[in-house]
C-alpha atoms as a PDB file:
ATOM      1  CA  MET A   1       0.000   0.000   0.000  1.00  0.00           C
ATOM      2  CA  TRP A   2       2.793   2.437   0.794  1.00  0.00           C
ATOM      3  CA  CYS A   3       5.577   1.223  -1.455  1.00  0.00           C
ATOM      4  CA  HIS A   4       6.092   0.047  -4.992  1.00  0.00           C
ATOM      5  CA  THR A   5       5.191  -3.639  -5.124  1.00  0.00           C
ATOM      6  CA  GLY A   6       6.456  -4.403  -8.611  1.00  0.00           C
ATOM      7  CA  LYS A   7       9.485  -6.416  -9.631  1.00  0.00           C
ATOM      8  CA  GLY A   8      12.652  -5.330  -7.834  1.00  0.00           C
ATOM      9  CA  ALA A   9      14.952  -2.809  -9.454  1.00  0.00           C
ATOM     10  CA  THR A  10      17.931  -4.352 -11.203  1.00  0.00           C
ATOM     11  CA  ASN A  11      20.175  -1.271 -11.131  1.00  0.00           C
ATOM     12  CA  ALA A  12      20.329   2.299  -9.870  1.00  0.00           C
ATOM     13  CA  HIS A  13      18.665   3.652 -13.026  1.00  0.00           C
ATOM     14  CA  ASP A  14      15.672   1.319 -12.606  1.00  0.00           C
ATOM     15  CA  ALA A  15      15.421   2.287  -8.930  1.00  0.00           C
ATOM     16  CA  ALA A  16      15.373   5.991  -9.839  1.00  0.00           C
ATOM     17  CA  ASP A  17      12.737   5.367 -12.511  1.00  0.00           C
ATOM     18  CA  SER A  18      10.509   3.459 -10.077  1.00  0.00           C
ATOM     19  CA  THR A  19      10.910   6.206  -7.466  1.00  0.00           C
ATOM     20  CA  LEU A  20       9.918   8.896  -9.970  1.00  0.00           C
ATOM     21  CA  LEU A  21       6.975   6.777 -11.111  1.00  0.00           C
ATOM     22  CA  ALA A  22       5.845   6.327  -7.504  1.00  0.00           C
ATOM     23  CA  LEU A  23       6.070  10.078  -6.852  1.00  0.00           C
ATOM     24  CA  TYR A  24       4.154  10.817 -10.051  1.00  0.00           C
ATOM     25  CA  ARG A  25       1.521   8.185  -9.272  1.00  0.00           C
ATOM     26  CA  ASP A  26       1.117   9.027  -5.578  1.00  0.00           C
ATOM     27  CA  GLY A  27       1.697  12.787  -5.847  1.00  0.00           C
ATOM     28  CA  PRO A  28      -1.968  13.789  -6.152  1.00  0.00           C
ATOM     29  CA  GLN A  29      -2.973  11.831  -3.043  1.00  0.00           C
ATOM     30  CA  ARG A  30      -0.111  13.352  -1.072  1.00  0.00           C
ATOM     31  CA  LEU A  31      -0.918  16.841  -2.330  1.00  0.00           C
ATOM     32  CA  ILE A  32      -4.530  16.367  -1.212  1.00  0.00           C
ATOM     33  CA  ALA A  33      -3.341  15.101   2.191  1.00  0.00           C
ATOM     34  CA  GLY A  34      -1.019  18.093   2.625  1.00  0.00           C
ATOM     35  CA  TRP A  35      -3.771  20.478   1.571  1.00  0.00           C
ATOM     36  CA  LEU A  36      -6.248  18.916   4.021  1.00  0.00           C
ATOM     37  CA  ALA A  37      -3.752  19.076   6.885  1.00  0.00           C
ATOM     38  CA  GLY A  38      -2.875  22.671   5.977  1.00  0.00           C
ATOM     39  CA  SER A  39      -6.572  23.565   5.855  1.00  0.00           C
ATOM     40  CA  LEU A  40      -7.171  22.012   9.267  1.00  0.00           C
ATOM     41  CA  LEU A  41      -4.129  23.554  10.944  1.00  0.00           C
ATOM     42  CA  GLY A  42      -3.535  26.672   8.841  1.00  0.00           C
ATOM     43  CA  GLY A  43      -0.793  27.486   6.409  1.00  0.00           C
ATOM     44  CA  GLY A  44      -0.296  26.262   2.900  1.00  0.00           C
ATOM     45  CA  GLY A  45       1.127  26.793  -0.509  1.00  0.00           C
ATOM     46  CA  LEU A  46       1.448  24.227  -3.282  1.00  0.00           C
ATOM     47  CA  ILE A  47       5.045  23.170  -2.629  1.00  0.00           C
ATOM     48  CA  ARG A  48       4.617  23.148   1.151  1.00  0.00           C
ATOM     49  CA  ASN A  49       1.438  21.068   0.881  1.00  0.00           C
ATOM     50  CA  LEU A  50       3.173  18.570  -1.392  1.00  0.00           C
ATOM     51  CA  VAL A  51       6.221  18.264   0.869  1.00  0.00           C
ATOM     52  CA  VAL A  52       4.096  17.939   4.011  1.00  0.00           C
ATOM     53  CA  GLY A  53       1.896  15.369   2.250  1.00  0.00           C
ATOM     54  CA  ILE A  54       4.898  13.285   1.171  1.00  0.00           C
ATOM     55  CA  ILE A  55       6.430  13.317   4.645  1.00  0.00           C
ATOM     56  CA  GLY A  56       2.995  12.756   6.191  1.00  0.00           C
ATOM     57  CA  ALA A  57       2.445   9.693   4.013  1.00  0.00           C
ATOM     58  CA  PHE A  58       5.630   8.147   5.366  1.00  0.00           C
ATOM     59  CA  VAL A  59       4.777   9.094   8.964  1.00  0.00           C
ATOM     60  CA  GLY A  60       1.180   7.862   8.682  1.00  0.00           C
ATOM     61  CA  GLY A  61       2.251   4.660   6.919  1.00  0.00           C
ATOM     62  CA  ALA A  62       4.859   3.944   9.576  1.00  0.00           C
ATOM     63  CA  MET A  63       2.291   4.521  12.306  1.00  0.00           C
ATOM     64  CA  VAL A  64      -0.106   2.063  10.659  1.00  0.00           C
ATOM     65  CA  GLN A  65       2.633  -0.544  10.181  1.00  0.00           C
ATOM     66  CA  HIS A  66       3.700  -0.301  13.829  1.00  0.00           C
ATOM     67  CA  GLY A  67       0.134  -0.391  15.139  1.00  0.00           C
ATOM     68  CA  LEU A  68       0.157   3.184  16.438  1.00  0.00           C
ATOM     69  CA  LEU A  69      -2.666   4.273  14.122  1.00  0.00           C
ATOM     70  CA  ASN A  70      -5.754   2.146  13.614  1.00  0.00           C
ATOM     71  CA  LEU A  71      -8.654   3.644  11.713  1.00  0.00           C
ATOM     72  CA  PRO A  72     -12.130   2.655  12.935  1.00  0.00           C
ATOM     73  CA  VAL A  73     -14.017   0.215  10.730  1.00  0.00           C
ATOM     74  CA  ALA A  74     -16.718   2.816  10.079  1.00  0.00           C
ATOM     75  CA  VAL A  75     -14.081   5.149   8.606  1.00  0.00           C
ATOM     76  CA  THR A  76     -12.447   2.497   6.444  1.00  0.00           C
ATOM     77  CA  ASN A  77     -15.854   1.377   5.157  1.00  0.00           C
ATOM     78  CA  ILE A  78     -16.428   4.901   3.847  1.00  0.00           C
ATOM     79  CA  THR A  79     -12.893   5.604   2.632  1.00  0.00           C
ATOM     80  CA  SER A  80     -12.597   2.273   0.820  1.00  0.00           C
ATOM     81  CA  GLU A  81     -15.382   3.436  -1.518  1.00  0.00           C
ATOM     82  CA  ILE A  82     -13.278   6.432  -2.604  1.00  0.00           C
ATOM     83  CA  PRO A  83     -10.218   5.709  -4.755  1.00  0.00           C
ATOM     84  CA  TYR A  84      -7.166   6.016  -2.469  1.00  0.00           C
ATOM     85  CA  GLY A  85      -9.458   7.277   0.306  1.00  0.00           C
ATOM     86  CA  THR A  86      -7.820   5.354   3.130  1.00  0.00           C
ATOM     87  CA  GLN A  87      -4.344   6.404   1.946  1.00  0.00           C
ATOM     88  CA  ILE A  88      -5.443  10.044   1.887  1.00  0.00           C
ATOM     89  CA  VAL A  89      -6.858   9.820   5.432  1.00  0.00           C
ATOM     90  CA  VAL A  90      -3.730   8.141   6.817  1.00  0.00           C
ATOM     91  CA  SER A  91      -1.469  10.607   4.956  1.00  0.00           C
ATOM     92  CA  THR A  92      -3.520  13.554   6.234  1.00  0.00           C
ATOM     93  CA  ILE A  93      -3.175  12.350   9.821  1.00  0.00           C
ATOM     94  CA  GLY A  94       0.572  11.916   9.299  1.00  0.00           C
ATOM     95  CA  ALA A  95       0.825  15.367   7.676  1.00  0.00           C
ATOM     96  CA  ALA A  96      -1.039  16.964  10.592  1.00  0.00           C
ATOM     97  CA  ILE A  97       1.413  15.334  13.007  1.00  0.00           C
ATOM     98  CA  VAL A  98       4.333  16.637  10.921  1.00  0.00           C
ATOM     99  CA  ILE A  99       2.893  20.180  10.988  1.00  0.00           C
ATOM    100  CA  LEU A 100       2.344  20.047  14.763  1.00  0.00           C
ATOM    101  CA  ILE A 101       5.871  18.779  15.392  1.00  0.00           C
ATOM    102  CA  ALA A 102       7.330  21.459  13.088  1.00  0.00           C
ATOM    103  CA  ARG A 103       5.383  24.162  14.919  1.00  0.00           C
ATOM    104  CA  PHE A 104       6.487  22.822  18.291  1.00  0.00           C
ATOM    105  CA  LEU A 105      10.142  22.718  17.260  1.00  0.00           C
ATOM    106  CA  GLY A 106       9.882  26.055  15.487  1.00  0.00           C
ATOM    107  CA  GLY A 107       8.357  27.805  18.490  1.00  0.00           C
ATOM    108  CA  ARG A 108       5.116  28.863  16.819  1.00  0.00           C
END
């Protein structure tokens, strides 16, 4: 769900191509997640939303993998009907955590 599941890269060029493909494919979901987190907590801008969404996707995905974030069944029933809905929700939660940590460390 959070990483490329295709055939393994055979060299550095293939790895770079698969990384660019993953960013291109997953970019819209991460941009939406960054925008939602920015809308909830304030702030924004296209590049900032994209960066926060990308980092938030990794944070949210890691939290799910380690059992620190479990979405209720009622939420996943709704989000599974929307393409990439669950990924967007998890990425938004991760992005919100990233924003809060950045504000705490930045003194805002």
